Amino acid sequence: MSGSGAPKPEPADCHDLRVAVVAASWHEQVMDGLLAGARRAFDDHKVEEPVVVRVPGTFELPVAAATLAKGGYDAIVALGVVIRGGTPHFDYVCRAATDGLNRVALDHLTPVGFGVLTCDDEQQALDRAGLEGSHEDKGYEAAAAALATAVALRRASRPY
């Protein structure tokens, strides 16, 4: 299981950042956990009013994230889950979401927290969803990463 070696930064004060979450709707229990984790990260980082946009599935995350980035958000958190099935659909959706969200970040110079779970089965997703009994909280991690990157970029863009 992943998770070892993860950084443990102190939450920064992000009350002045405009932050949005785009979240898929498939696998409701997992998605509820991911969203709750992102909200915990926002609370820890003092994000005041994050916008939450729900889309049907993980495939739709990039277009929603691009729209939000174009709207001037300082950080975006993308949350979704894809569980492997018996067809190549898993590979196509995972690749499209990953490449699309990376393109959003680079094209718009906006941090995008990657909270897309790509799992072999539902138990792996539940173990990463930040629910009671989960081993990891990928919603929290994705939100914290997006916020930390937004803060770092803001600092880097300030003249000395």
Protein backbone atom coordinates (compact mmCIF):
# COMPACT_ATOMS: atom_id res chain seq x y z
CA MET A 1 0.00 0.00 0.00
CA SER A 2 1.23 3.49 -0.77
CA GLY A 3 1.42 6.26 1.77
CA SER A 4 4.90 5.82 3.17
CA GLY A 5 7.19 8.77 2.61
CA ALA A 6 4.36 11.28 2.29
CA PRO A 7 5.24 14.82 3.41
CA LYS A 8 3.65 16.15 6.59
CA PRO A 9 3.56 19.91 6.03
CA GLU A 10 1.81 22.27 8.42
CA PRO A 11 -1.42 23.65 6.94
CA ALA A 12 -0.97 27.16 5.54
CA ASP A 13 -3.52 29.94 5.93
CA CYS A 14 -5.36 29.91 2.60
CA HIS A 15 -8.35 32.06 3.56
CA ASP A 16 -7.69 34.39 0.61
CA LEU A 17 -7.55 31.67 -2.07
CA ARG A 18 -10.43 30.93 -4.43
CA VAL A 19 -10.70 27.15 -4.38
CA ALA A 20 -12.97 24.75 -6.22
CA VAL A 21 -13.60 21.01 -6.12
CA VAL A 22 -14.82 19.04 -9.07
CA ALA A 23 -16.10 15.63 -8.01
CA ALA A 24 -17.48 12.64 -9.86
CA SER A 25 -20.70 11.00 -8.77
CA TRP A 26 -20.03 7.29 -9.34
CA HIS A 27 -19.34 5.14 -6.24
CA GLU A 28 -21.25 7.32 -3.80
CA GLN A 29 -19.74 5.98 -0.55
CA VAL A 30 -16.17 6.46 -1.80
CA MET A 31 -16.97 9.89 -3.21
CA ASP A 32 -18.60 10.98 0.06
CA GLY A 33 -15.38 10.04 1.84
CA LEU A 34 -13.17 11.86 -0.66
CA LEU A 35 -15.28 15.02 -0.43
CA ALA A 36 -15.30 14.89 3.36
CA GLY A 37 -11.51 14.57 3.33
CA ALA A 38 -11.16 17.57 1.02
CA ARG A 39 -13.44 19.58 3.30
CA ARG A 40 -11.29 18.65 6.32
CA ALA A 41 -8.23 19.91 4.46
CA PHE A 42 -10.03 23.14 3.60
CA ASP A 43 -10.96 23.62 7.24
CA ASP A 44 -7.36 22.99 8.34
CA HIS A 45 -6.11 25.50 5.74
CA LYS A 46 -8.81 28.08 6.55
CA VAL A 47 -10.36 28.00 3.07
CA GLU A 48 -13.57 29.93 3.56
CA GLU A 49 -15.99 29.05 0.77
CA PRO A 50 -14.81 26.37 -1.64
CA VAL A 51 -17.07 25.80 -4.62
CA VAL A 52 -18.09 22.19 -5.22
CA VAL A 53 -19.14 21.10 -8.71
CA ARG A 54 -20.44 17.57 -9.26
CA VAL A 55 -20.12 15.83 -12.62
CA PRO A 56 -21.38 12.39 -13.68
CA GLY A 57 -18.07 10.53 -13.74
CA THR A 58 -14.30 10.71 -13.69
CA PHE A 59 -14.12 11.14 -17.47
CA GLU A 60 -15.90 14.51 -17.10
CA LEU A 61 -13.48 15.91 -14.49
CA PRO A 62 -11.03 17.60 -16.92
CA VAL A 63 -13.59 19.73 -18.76
CA ALA A 64 -15.12 20.88 -15.48
CA ALA A 65 -11.67 21.61 -14.03
CA ALA A 66 -10.72 23.58 -17.16
CA THR A 67 -13.86 25.68 -16.88
CA LEU A 68 -13.10 26.43 -13.23
CA ALA A 69 -9.46 27.24 -14.00
CA LYS A 70 -10.57 29.62 -16.74
CA GLY A 71 -12.84 31.23 -14.13
CA GLY A 72 -9.82 32.30 -12.09
CA TYR A 73 -9.72 29.80 -9.24
CA ASP A 74 -6.37 29.66 -7.45
CA ALA A 75 -6.54 25.90 -6.88
CA ILE A 76 -8.77 23.06 -8.04
CA VAL A 77 -9.22 19.65 -6.47
CA ALA A 78 -10.35 16.83 -8.75
CA LEU A 79 -11.94 13.84 -7.03
CA GLY A 80 -13.07 10.63 -8.67
CA VAL A 81 -12.79 6.86 -8.61
CA VAL A 82 -12.44 4.30 -11.36
CA ILE A 83 -12.64 0.62 -10.47
CA ARG A 84 -11.19 -1.93 -12.86
CA GLY A 85 -13.69 -4.06 -14.70
CA GLY A 86 -13.39 -6.71 -17.37
CA THR A 87 -12.95 -4.34 -20.32
CA PRO A 88 -10.36 -1.75 -21.39
CA HIS A 89 -12.78 1.01 -20.27
CA PHE A 90 -10.75 1.38 -17.03
CA ASP A 91 -7.57 2.18 -18.96
CA TYR A 92 -9.26 4.71 -21.23
CA VAL A 93 -10.99 6.59 -18.44
CA CYS A 94 -7.90 6.64 -16.20
CA ARG A 95 -5.68 7.89 -19.03
CA ALA A 96 -8.18 10.53 -20.15
CA ALA A 97 -8.68 11.84 -16.61
CA THR A 98 -4.97 11.89 -15.79
CA ASP A 99 -3.87 13.48 -19.05
CA GLY A 100 -6.80 15.91 -19.06
CA LEU A 101 -6.23 17.13 -15.50
CA ASN A 102 -2.50 17.51 -16.14
CA ARG A 103 -3.30 19.56 -19.23
CA VAL A 104 -5.63 21.80 -17.22
CA ALA A 105 -2.88 22.50 -14.68
CA LEU A 106 -0.29 23.30 -17.34
CA ASP A 107 -2.54 25.20 -19.76
CA HIS A 108 -4.04 27.39 -17.04
CA LEU A 109 -1.07 27.46 -14.64
CA THR A 110 -3.46 26.41 -11.89
CA PRO A 111 -2.67 23.73 -9.31
CA VAL A 112 -4.95 20.73 -9.68
CA GLY A 113 -5.00 18.32 -6.75
CA PHE A 114 -5.23 14.81 -8.15
CA GLY A 115 -7.68 12.87 -6.03
CA VAL A 116 -8.64 10.28 -8.61
CA LEU A 117 -8.53 6.75 -7.23
CA THR A 118 -7.65 4.10 -9.80
CA CYS A 119 -8.33 0.81 -8.07
CA ASP A 120 -8.54 -2.87 -8.88
CA ASP A 121 -11.58 -3.36 -6.65
CA GLU A 122 -14.01 -1.51 -4.41
CA GLN A 123 -12.13 -2.43 -1.21
CA GLN A 124 -9.00 -0.63 -2.45
CA ALA A 125 -11.13 2.47 -3.07
CA LEU A 126 -12.70 2.26 0.39
CA ASP A 127 -9.23 1.89 1.95
CA ARG A 128 -8.17 5.21 0.35
CA ALA A 129 -11.39 7.19 0.75
CA GLY A 130 -10.78 8.63 4.23
CA LEU A 131 -13.73 6.80 5.72
CA GLU A 132 -13.74 5.27 9.20
CA GLY A 133 -11.43 2.28 8.91
CA SER A 134 -9.69 3.57 5.77
CA HIS A 135 -5.89 3.43 5.67
CA GLU A 136 -5.54 6.64 3.65
CA ASP A 137 -7.40 9.89 3.03
CA LYS A 138 -6.77 10.77 -0.60
CA GLY A 139 -9.41 13.53 -0.61
CA TYR A 140 -7.52 15.33 2.14
CA GLU A 141 -4.18 14.70 0.47
CA ALA A 142 -5.32 16.01 -2.92
CA ALA A 143 -6.78 19.17 -1.40
CA ALA A 144 -3.73 19.80 0.77
CA ALA A 145 -1.41 19.31 -2.23
CA ALA A 146 -3.36 21.76 -4.40
CA LEU A 147 -3.35 24.36 -1.63
CA ALA A 148 0.35 23.92 -0.85
CA THR A 149 1.18 24.29 -4.53
CA ALA A 150 -0.96 27.44 -4.85
CA VAL A 151 0.84 28.95 -1.85
CA ALA A 152 4.26 27.98 -3.25
CA LEU A 153 3.46 29.48 -6.65
CA ARG A 154 2.18 32.67 -5.07
CA ARG A 155 5.41 33.01 -3.07
CA ALA A 156 7.56 32.24 -6.10
CA SER A 157 5.85 34.91 -8.19
CA ARG A 158 6.54 37.69 -5.68
CA PRO A 159 9.50 39.91 -6.46
CA TYR A 160 12.32 39.89 -3.92
